[in-house]
N, C-alpha and C. Protein backbone atom coordinates (compact mmCIF):
# COMPACT_ATOMS: atom_id res chain seq x y z
N MET A 1 -9.59 31.40 -3.85
CA MET A 1 -9.25 30.10 -4.77
C MET A 1 -7.36 29.61 -4.34
N ILE A 2 -6.86 30.00 -4.06
CA ILE A 2 -5.04 29.93 -3.55
C ILE A 2 -5.79 29.07 -2.11
N SER A 3 -6.44 29.19 -1.35
CA SER A 3 -6.54 28.51 -0.39
C SER A 3 -7.48 27.06 -0.70
N ASP A 4 -8.00 27.21 -1.99
CA ASP A 4 -8.64 25.91 -2.45
C ASP A 4 -7.42 25.18 -3.23
N VAL A 5 -7.08 25.59 -3.80
CA VAL A 5 -5.41 24.92 -4.58
C VAL A 5 -5.16 24.15 -3.71
N LEU A 6 -4.28 24.96 -2.54
CA LEU A 6 -3.99 24.32 -1.53
C LEU A 6 -4.11 23.11 -0.66
N ALA A 7 -5.53 23.32 -0.71
CA ALA A 7 -6.32 22.87 0.25
C ALA A 7 -6.67 21.08 -0.67
N GLU A 8 -7.08 20.99 -1.62
CA GLU A 8 -7.39 19.84 -2.98
C GLU A 8 -6.01 19.26 -2.78
N ALA A 9 -4.18 20.03 -2.85
CA ALA A 9 -3.27 19.18 -2.73
C ALA A 9 -3.08 18.93 -1.37
N LYS A 10 -3.59 19.17 -0.23
CA LYS A 10 -3.44 18.52 0.72
C LYS A 10 -4.08 17.19 0.91
N GLU A 11 -5.30 17.38 0.37
CA GLU A 11 -5.92 15.79 0.52
C GLU A 11 -5.46 14.99 -0.50
N LYS A 12 -5.34 15.48 -1.98
CA LYS A 12 -4.60 14.49 -2.41
C LYS A 12 -3.39 13.67 -2.26
N MET A 13 -2.27 14.62 -1.66
CA MET A 13 -0.99 14.25 -1.05
C MET A 13 -1.67 12.96 -0.05
N THR A 14 -2.46 13.92 1.07
CA THR A 14 -2.65 12.87 2.24
C THR A 14 -3.30 11.25 1.78
N LYS A 15 -4.01 11.37 0.59
CA LYS A 15 -4.40 10.23 0.17
C LYS A 15 -3.12 9.20 -0.54
N ALA A 16 -2.15 9.88 -0.88
CA ALA A 16 -1.16 8.88 -1.52
C ALA A 16 -0.24 8.67 -0.75
N VAL A 17 0.07 9.54 0.67
CA VAL A 17 0.55 8.47 1.54
C VAL A 17 -0.09 7.68 2.52
N GLU A 18 -1.23 7.61 2.00
CA GLU A 18 -2.20 6.65 2.67
C GLU A 18 -2.13 5.08 1.99
N VAL A 19 -2.18 5.42 0.49
CA VAL A 19 -2.01 4.21 -0.54
C VAL A 19 -0.36 4.10 -0.19
N ALA A 20 0.70 4.92 0.07
CA ALA A 20 1.71 4.06 0.08
C ALA A 20 1.89 3.07 1.26
N LYS A 21 0.90 3.68 2.46
CA LYS A 21 0.91 3.03 3.77
C LYS A 21 0.44 1.19 3.20
N ASP A 22 -0.66 1.45 2.85
CA ASP A 22 -1.67 0.64 2.54
C ASP A 22 -0.51 -0.63 1.06
N ASP A 23 0.15 -0.18 0.79
CA ASP A 23 1.54 -0.44 -0.49
C ASP A 23 2.23 -1.30 0.62
N PHE A 24 2.84 -0.43 1.14
CA PHE A 24 3.57 -1.31 2.10
C PHE A 24 3.21 -2.75 3.59
N SER A 25 2.05 -2.76 3.55
CA SER A 25 1.52 -3.84 4.17
C SER A 25 1.48 -4.89 3.76
N THR A 26 1.33 -4.51 2.04
CA THR A 26 1.06 -5.94 1.40
C THR A 26 2.43 -6.44 1.36
N VAL A 27 3.57 -5.85 1.80
CA VAL A 27 4.65 -6.42 1.60
C VAL A 27 5.01 -7.58 3.15
N ARG A 28 5.29 -8.85 2.53
CA ARG A 28 5.49 -9.56 3.97
C ARG A 28 6.35 -9.52 4.46
N THR A 29 6.49 -9.24 5.51
CA THR A 29 7.67 -9.56 7.21
C THR A 29 7.82 -11.33 7.77
N GLY A 30 8.26 -11.08 8.53
CA GLY A 30 8.42 -12.48 9.44
C GLY A 30 7.07 -12.84 9.76
N ARG A 31 6.33 -11.85 10.10
CA ARG A 31 5.41 -12.51 10.43
C ARG A 31 4.42 -12.12 9.69
N ILE A 32 3.30 -13.09 9.60
CA ILE A 32 2.19 -13.26 8.74
C ILE A 32 1.02 -12.04 9.22
N ASN A 33 0.74 -11.31 7.85
CA ASN A 33 -0.58 -10.16 7.75
C ASN A 33 -1.52 -10.02 7.47
N ALA A 34 -2.71 -10.33 8.01
CA ALA A 34 -3.61 -10.61 6.98
C ALA A 34 -3.85 -9.69 5.99
N ALA A 35 -3.35 -8.29 6.40
CA ALA A 35 -3.46 -7.40 4.99
C ALA A 35 -2.93 -7.56 3.44
N LEU A 36 -2.38 -8.45 3.93
CA LEU A 36 -1.26 -9.34 3.24
C LEU A 36 -1.85 -9.33 2.00
N PHE A 37 -2.94 -10.30 2.43
CA PHE A 37 -3.68 -11.50 1.43
C PHE A 37 -5.16 -10.62 1.27
N GLN A 38 -5.24 -9.46 1.53
CA GLN A 38 -6.78 -9.22 1.59
C GLN A 38 -6.65 -8.90 -0.32
N LYS A 39 -5.65 -8.00 -0.96
CA LYS A 39 -6.22 -7.62 -2.11
C LYS A 39 -5.50 -8.91 -3.15
N ILE A 40 -5.77 -10.10 -2.71
CA ILE A 40 -5.26 -11.46 -3.78
C ILE A 40 -6.62 -11.56 -4.19
N PRO A 41 -6.50 -11.18 -5.77
CA PRO A 41 -7.56 -11.54 -6.28
C PRO A 41 -7.81 -13.21 -6.90
N VAL A 42 -8.78 -13.22 -6.85
CA VAL A 42 -9.55 -14.53 -6.32
C VAL A 42 -10.47 -14.88 -7.82
N ASP A 43 -10.32 -15.74 -9.07
CA ASP A 43 -11.53 -16.06 -9.65
C ASP A 43 -12.75 -16.22 -9.35
N TYR A 44 -13.63 -15.68 -8.99
CA TYR A 44 -14.59 -16.22 -8.38
C TYR A 44 -16.14 -16.24 -9.59
N TYR A 45 -16.55 -17.63 -9.94
CA TYR A 45 -17.87 -17.33 -11.33
C TYR A 45 -16.93 -16.23 -12.59
N GLY A 46 -15.88 -16.57 -12.37
CA GLY A 46 -15.33 -15.45 -13.76
C GLY A 46 -14.95 -13.95 -13.46
N THR A 47 -15.08 -13.73 -12.38
CA THR A 47 -14.88 -12.27 -11.70
C THR A 47 -13.59 -12.05 -10.96
N PRO A 48 -12.72 -10.94 -11.27
CA PRO A 48 -11.27 -11.73 -10.09
C PRO A 48 -11.89 -10.41 -9.08
N THR A 49 -11.59 -11.01 -7.79
CA THR A 49 -12.34 -10.76 -6.41
C THR A 49 -11.60 -10.82 -5.42
N PRO A 50 -11.14 -9.49 -4.85
CA PRO A 50 -10.38 -9.68 -3.68
C PRO A 50 -10.65 -10.51 -2.91
N LEU A 51 -9.77 -11.57 -2.17
CA LEU A 51 -9.87 -12.36 -0.98
C LEU A 51 -10.71 -12.16 0.24
N ALA A 52 -10.39 -10.57 0.53
CA ALA A 52 -11.49 -10.06 1.84
C ALA A 52 -12.59 -10.02 1.54
N GLN A 53 -13.14 -10.17 0.32
CA GLN A 53 -14.79 -9.56 -0.03
C GLN A 53 -15.08 -11.77 -0.17
N LEU A 54 -14.41 -12.58 -0.08
CA LEU A 54 -14.73 -14.39 -0.26
C LEU A 54 -14.37 -14.56 1.13
N ALA A 55 -13.92 -14.49 2.13
CA ALA A 55 -13.56 -14.93 3.50
C ALA A 55 -13.12 -14.10 4.08
N SER A 56 -12.95 -14.96 5.35
CA SER A 56 -12.66 -13.87 7.23
C SER A 56 -10.97 -14.55 7.06
N LEU A 57 -10.30 -13.45 7.50
CA LEU A 57 -8.97 -14.04 7.54
C LEU A 57 -8.41 -13.26 8.90
N GLN A 58 -7.92 -14.82 9.76
CA GLN A 58 -7.47 -14.93 11.30
C GLN A 58 -5.98 -15.42 10.79
N THR A 59 -5.20 -14.95 12.05
CA THR A 59 -4.17 -15.42 12.37
C THR A 59 -3.68 -16.32 13.66
N PRO A 60 -3.97 -17.27 13.66
CA PRO A 60 -3.85 -17.62 15.04
C PRO A 60 -2.53 -17.87 15.76
N GLU A 61 -1.41 -17.80 14.88
CA GLU A 61 -0.33 -18.27 14.92
C GLU A 61 0.49 -16.79 13.95
N ALA A 62 2.37 -16.73 14.40
CA ALA A 62 2.74 -15.31 13.52
C ALA A 62 2.88 -15.97 12.32
N ARG A 63 3.23 -17.38 11.92
CA ARG A 63 3.62 -17.41 10.09
C ARG A 63 2.16 -18.68 9.62
N THR A 64 1.07 -18.80 10.24
CA THR A 64 -0.26 -18.89 10.04
C THR A 64 -1.01 -18.15 9.65
N LEU A 65 -2.22 -18.72 8.80
CA LEU A 65 -3.16 -17.55 8.44
C LEU A 65 -4.84 -19.07 8.05
N ILE A 66 -6.06 -18.45 8.58
CA ILE A 66 -6.96 -19.35 8.55
C ILE A 66 -8.04 -18.38 7.31
N VAL A 67 -7.99 -18.86 6.25
CA VAL A 67 -9.02 -18.64 5.71
C VAL A 67 -10.42 -19.36 5.41
N THR A 68 -11.38 -18.75 6.12
CA THR A 68 -12.49 -19.24 5.86
C THR A 68 -13.20 -18.50 4.98
N PRO A 69 -14.13 -19.71 3.65
CA PRO A 69 -14.47 -18.60 2.83
C PRO A 69 -16.13 -18.90 3.23
N TYR A 70 -16.71 -17.55 2.91
CA TYR A 70 -18.22 -17.41 2.70
C TYR A 70 -18.79 -18.61 2.00
N ASP A 71 -18.41 -19.09 0.93
CA ASP A 71 -19.08 -19.45 0.46
C ASP A 71 -17.56 -21.07 -0.15
N LYS A 72 -18.11 -21.82 -0.02
CA LYS A 72 -17.12 -23.39 0.41
C LYS A 72 -17.18 -23.55 -1.48
N SER A 73 -17.60 -23.41 -1.89
CA SER A 73 -17.83 -24.26 -3.50
C SER A 73 -16.75 -23.05 -4.11
N ALA A 74 -15.74 -21.91 -3.06
CA ALA A 74 -14.97 -21.17 -3.81
C ALA A 74 -13.35 -21.77 -3.01
N LEU A 75 -13.44 -22.58 -2.42
CA LEU A 75 -12.21 -23.29 -1.69
C LEU A 75 -11.17 -23.19 -2.21
N LYS A 76 -11.32 -24.08 -3.38
CA LYS A 76 -9.95 -24.45 -4.63
C LYS A 76 -9.69 -23.33 -5.46
N GLU A 77 -10.59 -22.50 -5.76
CA GLU A 77 -9.86 -20.75 -6.47
C GLU A 77 -9.10 -20.31 -5.94
N ILE A 78 -9.92 -19.81 -4.23
CA ILE A 78 -8.99 -19.24 -2.99
C ILE A 78 -7.29 -19.49 -2.94
N GLU A 79 -7.40 -21.17 -2.86
CA GLU A 79 -6.16 -21.47 -2.39
C GLU A 79 -5.55 -21.63 -4.08
N LYS A 80 -5.77 -21.82 -4.62
CA LYS A 80 -5.19 -22.06 -6.19
C LYS A 80 -4.72 -20.19 -6.03
N ALA A 81 -5.56 -19.26 -5.52
CA ALA A 81 -5.04 -17.79 -6.02
C ALA A 81 -3.45 -17.43 -4.69
N ILE A 82 -3.52 -18.16 -3.83
CA ILE A 82 -2.86 -17.99 -3.08
C ILE A 82 -1.44 -18.35 -3.13
N ALA A 83 -1.87 -19.97 -3.90
CA ALA A 83 -0.31 -20.27 -4.34
C ALA A 83 0.42 -19.83 -5.67
N THR A 84 -0.29 -19.35 -6.11
CA THR A 84 -0.32 -18.39 -7.35
C THR A 84 0.65 -16.92 -6.99
N PHE A 85 0.03 -16.53 -6.49
CA PHE A 85 0.31 -15.13 -5.70
C PHE A 85 1.65 -14.70 -5.74
N PRO A 86 2.23 -14.07 -6.52
CA PRO A 86 4.22 -13.90 -6.16
C PRO A 86 4.58 -13.33 -4.53
N ASN A 87 5.93 -13.18 -5.14
CA ASN A 87 6.39 -12.89 -3.65
C ASN A 87 5.91 -13.15 -2.16
N LEU A 88 5.24 -14.17 -2.10
CA LEU A 88 4.25 -15.10 -0.83
C LEU A 88 5.43 -15.94 -0.35
N GLY A 89 5.45 -16.82 -1.20
CA GLY A 89 6.51 -17.79 -0.90
C GLY A 89 5.36 -19.00 0.12
N ALA A 90 3.95 -18.36 -0.20
CA ALA A 90 2.97 -19.18 1.09
C ALA A 90 2.69 -20.87 0.86
N SER A 91 2.43 -21.41 1.60
CA SER A 91 1.81 -22.74 0.96
C SER A 91 0.56 -22.92 2.05
N PRO A 92 -0.53 -23.25 1.01
CA PRO A 92 -1.49 -23.07 1.27
C PRO A 92 -2.17 -24.63 1.32
N THR A 93 -3.16 -25.14 2.35
CA THR A 93 -3.58 -26.33 2.25
C THR A 93 -5.13 -26.23 2.26
N ASN A 94 -6.15 -27.12 1.96
CA ASN A 94 -7.41 -27.03 1.73
C ASN A 94 -7.69 -28.36 2.45
N ASP A 95 -8.20 -28.18 3.94
CA ASP A 95 -8.73 -29.79 4.52
C ASP A 95 -10.64 -29.52 3.83
N GLY A 96 -11.13 -28.52 2.79
CA GLY A 96 -12.61 -29.18 2.22
C GLY A 96 -13.52 -28.14 3.62
N THR A 97 -13.06 -27.24 4.59
CA THR A 97 -13.95 -26.17 5.23
C THR A 97 -13.29 -24.91 5.23
N ILE A 98 -12.03 -25.21 5.46
CA ILE A 98 -10.98 -23.88 5.19
C ILE A 98 -9.60 -24.18 4.71
N VAL A 99 -8.64 -23.09 4.82
CA VAL A 99 -7.72 -23.18 3.98
C VAL A 99 -6.57 -22.64 4.55
N ARG A 100 -5.52 -23.44 4.98
CA ARG A 100 -4.75 -23.14 6.18
C ARG A 100 -3.24 -22.43 5.28
N VAL A 101 -3.06 -21.36 5.69
CA VAL A 101 -1.53 -21.31 5.16
C VAL A 101 -0.76 -20.70 5.57
N THR A 102 0.28 -20.98 5.68
CA THR A 102 1.86 -21.10 6.26
C THR A 102 2.66 -20.82 5.58
N ILE A 103 3.43 -19.47 6.00
CA ILE A 103 4.52 -18.88 5.00
C ILE A 103 6.20 -18.86 5.38
N PRO A 104 6.98 -19.65 5.04
CA PRO A 104 8.00 -20.60 5.70
C PRO A 104 8.85 -18.51 6.39
N GLU A 105 9.74 -19.32 6.73
CA GLU A 105 10.92 -18.19 8.00
C GLU A 105 11.23 -17.24 6.28
N LEU A 106 11.65 -15.76 6.81
CA LEU A 106 12.79 -15.83 5.20
C LEU A 106 13.82 -15.19 5.81
N THR A 107 14.41 -15.50 4.53
CA THR A 107 16.25 -15.36 4.63
C THR A 107 16.65 -14.51 4.81
N GLN A 108 17.44 -13.97 5.04
CA GLN A 108 18.42 -12.52 4.77
C GLN A 108 18.19 -11.70 3.33
N ASP A 109 18.46 -12.52 2.52
CA ASP A 109 18.24 -12.12 1.10
C ASP A 109 17.21 -11.78 0.82
N ARG A 110 15.97 -12.44 1.04
CA ARG A 110 14.81 -12.76 0.95
C ARG A 110 14.50 -11.12 1.11
N ARG A 111 14.70 -10.95 2.78
CA ARG A 111 14.49 -9.45 3.48
C ARG A 111 14.88 -8.48 2.75
N LYS A 112 16.15 -8.50 2.21
CA LYS A 112 16.79 -6.99 1.60
C LYS A 112 15.88 -7.22 -0.22
N GLU A 113 15.55 -8.26 -0.65
CA GLU A 113 14.96 -8.05 -1.55
C GLU A 113 13.55 -7.22 -1.58
N PHE A 114 12.77 -7.83 -0.09
CA PHE A 114 11.92 -7.16 0.27
C PHE A 114 11.83 -5.66 0.56
N VAL A 115 12.92 -5.00 0.99
CA VAL A 115 13.26 -3.68 1.58
C VAL A 115 13.54 -3.15 -0.09
N LYS A 116 14.46 -3.65 -0.94
CA LYS A 116 14.29 -2.79 -2.20
C LYS A 116 13.03 -3.07 -2.71
N ILE A 117 11.88 -3.37 -2.38
CA ILE A 117 10.48 -3.13 -3.18
C ILE A 117 10.03 -2.51 -2.61
N VAL A 118 9.94 -2.72 -1.09
CA VAL A 118 9.29 -0.96 -0.72
C VAL A 118 10.11 -0.38 -0.57
N ARG A 119 11.19 0.33 -0.69
CA ARG A 119 11.99 1.59 -1.38
C ARG A 119 10.99 2.02 -2.85
N GLY A 120 11.22 0.73 -3.96
CA GLY A 120 10.61 1.33 -4.68
C GLY A 120 8.90 1.57 -4.80
N LYS A 121 7.96 0.98 -3.76
CA LYS A 121 6.73 1.93 -3.76
C LYS A 121 6.90 3.13 -3.14
N ALA A 122 7.95 3.20 -2.11
CA ALA A 122 7.99 4.81 -1.61
C ALA A 122 8.17 6.08 -2.60
N GLU A 123 9.11 4.99 -3.61
CA GLU A 123 9.79 6.22 -4.40
C GLU A 123 8.52 6.71 -5.39
N ASP A 124 7.44 5.38 -5.75
CA ASP A 124 6.49 5.51 -6.70
C ASP A 124 5.58 6.46 -5.84
N ALA A 125 5.19 6.69 -4.90
CA ALA A 125 4.22 7.30 -3.49
C ALA A 125 4.75 9.01 -3.66
N LYS A 126 6.46 8.94 -3.54
CA LYS A 126 6.96 10.28 -3.28
C LYS A 126 6.89 10.98 -5.03
N VAL A 127 6.98 10.15 -5.90
CA VAL A 127 6.44 10.46 -7.34
C VAL A 127 5.02 11.35 -7.55
N SER A 128 4.37 10.58 -6.70
CA SER A 128 2.60 11.28 -6.74
C SER A 128 2.90 12.22 -6.04
N VAL A 129 3.26 12.15 -5.21
CA VAL A 129 3.37 13.88 -3.91
C VAL A 129 3.90 14.59 -5.10
N ARG A 130 5.17 14.59 -5.86
CA ARG A 130 5.73 15.79 -6.50
C ARG A 130 4.40 16.26 -7.80
N ASN A 131 3.93 14.89 -8.43
CA ASN A 131 2.85 15.29 -9.45
C ASN A 131 1.73 16.09 -9.14
N ILE A 132 1.02 16.06 -7.79
CA ILE A 132 0.34 17.08 -7.25
C ILE A 132 0.77 18.22 -7.29
N ARG A 133 2.48 18.20 -6.61
CA ARG A 133 2.85 19.37 -6.27
C ARG A 133 2.70 20.04 -7.70
N ARG A 134 3.00 19.56 -9.05
CA ARG A 134 3.21 20.49 -10.06
C ARG A 134 2.19 20.57 -10.64
N ARG A 135 0.96 19.95 -10.80
CA ARG A 135 -0.30 20.46 -10.92
C ARG A 135 -0.81 21.41 -10.03
N SER A 136 -0.67 21.68 -8.98
CA SER A 136 -1.30 22.56 -8.15
C SER A 136 -0.03 24.04 -7.95
N LYS A 137 0.95 23.75 -8.74
CA LYS A 137 1.84 24.93 -8.97
C LYS A 137 1.35 25.22 -10.46
N ASP A 138 0.85 24.43 -11.09
CA ASP A 138 0.07 25.25 -12.60
C ASP A 138 -1.16 25.54 -12.42
N ASP A 139 -1.71 25.05 -11.48
CA ASP A 139 -3.16 25.86 -10.80
C ASP A 139 -3.20 27.17 -10.62
N LEU A 140 -1.85 27.45 -9.43
CA LEU A 140 -1.34 28.77 -9.04
C LEU A 140 -0.95 29.67 -9.90
N ASP A 141 0.05 29.02 -11.18
CA ASP A 141 0.49 30.52 -12.04
C ASP A 141 -0.63 30.95 -12.90
N ALA A 142 -1.82 30.04 -12.97
CA ALA A 142 -3.04 30.19 -13.65
C ALA A 142 -3.88 31.07 -13.06
N LEU A 143 -3.07 31.29 -11.86
CA LEU A 143 -3.82 32.69 -10.81
C LEU A 143 -3.51 33.83 -10.99
N LYS A 144 -2.07 34.00 -11.34
CA LYS A 144 -1.47 35.51 -11.09
C LYS A 144 -2.05 36.57 -11.70
N SER A 145 -2.57 36.51 -12.80
CA SER A 145 -3.70 37.75 -13.39
C SER A 145 -4.42 37.88 -12.37
N GLU A 146 -5.47 37.60 -11.70
CA GLU A 146 -6.56 37.47 -11.10
C GLU A 146 -5.85 37.96 -8.88
N VAL A 147 -4.80 37.21 -9.07
CA VAL A 147 -4.16 37.50 -7.33
C VAL A 147 -3.07 38.14 -7.31
N GLY A 148 -2.32 38.27 -8.20
CA GLY A 148 -1.08 38.94 -8.45
C GLY A 148 0.45 37.93 -7.74
N ASP A 149 1.26 38.31 -8.47
CA ASP A 149 2.44 37.46 -8.17
C ASP A 149 3.10 37.48 -6.58
N ASP A 150 3.02 38.02 -5.46
CA ASP A 150 3.00 38.20 -4.58
C ASP A 150 2.42 37.31 -3.95
N GLU A 151 0.62 36.95 -3.73
CA GLU A 151 0.05 36.28 -3.12
C GLU A 151 0.60 34.35 -3.90
N VAL A 152 0.90 34.48 -5.09
CA VAL A 152 1.16 33.46 -5.46
C VAL A 152 2.47 33.00 -4.64
N ALA A 153 3.26 34.01 -5.35
CA ALA A 153 4.57 33.13 -4.31
C ALA A 153 4.54 32.82 -3.23
N ARG A 154 3.68 33.40 -2.39
CA ARG A 154 3.84 33.03 -1.10
C ARG A 154 3.04 31.46 -1.20
N ALA A 155 1.77 31.17 -1.80
CA ALA A 155 1.23 29.47 -1.95
C ALA A 155 2.54 29.15 -2.67
N GLU A 156 3.19 29.51 -3.16
CA GLU A 156 4.34 28.26 -3.72
C GLU A 156 4.88 27.94 -2.70
N LYS A 157 5.44 28.83 -1.91
CA LYS A 157 6.45 28.70 -0.62
C LYS A 157 5.83 27.42 0.32
N GLU A 158 4.37 27.94 0.74
CA GLU A 158 3.58 26.99 1.40
C GLU A 158 3.15 25.96 0.69
N LEU A 159 2.99 25.56 -0.49
CA LEU A 159 2.92 24.19 -1.43
C LEU A 159 4.25 23.40 -0.98
N GLU A 160 5.53 24.46 -0.89
CA GLU A 160 6.83 23.69 -1.09
C GLU A 160 6.71 23.32 0.60
N SER A 161 6.23 23.32 1.77
CA SER A 161 6.33 22.71 2.82
C SER A 161 5.41 22.04 2.86
N ILE A 162 4.25 22.34 2.02
CA ILE A 162 3.13 20.86 2.54
C ILE A 162 3.92 19.86 1.69
N THR A 163 4.07 20.45 0.53
CA THR A 163 5.18 18.70 0.17
C THR A 163 6.17 18.01 0.55
N LYS A 164 6.81 18.67 1.15
CA LYS A 164 8.01 18.34 2.28
C LYS A 164 7.36 17.69 3.25
N THR A 165 6.26 18.07 3.98
CA THR A 165 5.44 17.11 4.78
C THR A 165 5.24 16.06 4.78
N TYR A 166 4.40 15.87 3.43
CA TYR A 166 3.89 14.23 3.07
C TYR A 166 5.34 13.40 2.87
N VAL A 167 6.30 13.94 1.88
CA VAL A 167 7.40 12.93 1.34
C VAL A 167 8.23 12.73 2.65
N ASP A 168 7.87 13.89 3.69
CA ASP A 168 9.02 12.85 5.41
C ASP A 168 7.75 11.82 5.87
N ALA A 169 6.67 11.72 5.53
CA ALA A 169 5.90 11.24 6.04
C ALA A 169 5.87 9.92 5.55
N ILE A 170 6.00 10.24 4.37
CA ILE A 170 6.84 8.60 3.66
C ILE A 170 8.04 8.09 3.89
N ASP A 171 8.41 8.80 4.03
CA ASP A 171 10.10 8.27 3.81
C ASP A 171 9.93 7.77 5.88
N GLU A 172 9.08 8.07 6.52
CA GLU A 172 9.34 8.05 8.11
C GLU A 172 8.48 6.20 7.85
N ALA A 173 7.07 6.32 7.17
CA ALA A 173 6.68 4.89 6.95
C ALA A 173 7.44 3.76 6.55
N LEU A 174 8.58 4.20 5.43
CA LEU A 174 9.32 3.54 4.78
C LEU A 174 10.40 3.02 5.86
N LYS A 175 10.68 4.05 6.69
CA LYS A 175 11.51 3.76 7.91
C LYS A 175 11.32 2.63 8.81
N ARG A 176 9.75 2.93 9.26
CA ARG A 176 9.49 1.63 10.11
C ARG A 176 9.41 0.40 9.58
N LYS A 177 8.66 0.68 8.34
CA LYS A 177 8.58 -0.91 7.40
C LYS A 177 10.31 -1.46 7.20
N GLU A 178 10.88 -0.53 6.88
CA GLU A 178 12.28 -1.54 6.80
C GLU A 178 12.78 -2.24 8.03
N ALA A 179 12.51 -1.05 9.32
CA ALA A 179 13.12 -1.78 10.23
C ALA A 179 12.27 -3.11 10.06
N GLU A 180 10.95 -3.42 10.21
CA GLU A 180 9.89 -4.11 10.54
C GLU A 180 10.41 -5.83 9.49
N LEU A 181 11.32 -5.12 8.11
CA LEU A 181 11.02 -6.41 7.16
C LEU A 181 13.03 -6.88 7.91
N LEU A 182 13.95 -5.97 8.53
CA LEU A 182 15.11 -6.34 8.74
C LEU A 182 15.00 -7.05 10.10
N GLU A 183 13.95 -6.94 10.75
CA GLU A 183 13.86 -7.50 12.21
C GLU A 183 14.01 -9.08 12.52
N VAL A 184 14.73 -9.67 12.99
CA VAL A 184 14.84 -11.26 13.31
C VAL A 184 14.20 -11.82 13.93
């Protein structure tokens, strides 16, 4: 019972860390990253569809992305979605078969803004991990009558150390992303 609660907490916290890292990859750096564009919603026949499902993405140069749509009729919508997506500053051009996207160099002020965004995403992930800890602690408290106070107290200490491990993983990912963002 206790091991089930702790295993479930670990599983959920692992997912929270993965989501945080995925969120970090959507914040642009000086180099273009295809992951930055994969989730951009494109209006495809009235349905918002992630760009990665509509086209292949290649990065031939540090600041250029080539988007090759599987369906050429979606070119205009893809171009419009990329141009209007916030925080990219990308300028897409459509040549009739592909969309070429170039991003400008980041200014120091813009880099600092992106660091703030990443820190906010990291804090959201930490809150998520803490919420998982709280729910797991409630589940452990509900087991007190069945397994005893000592077992629950030991499990709560283990839960705290598990939580600290995952919060530290988020902090480490944040540190790497900040260094990447501030690198000129």
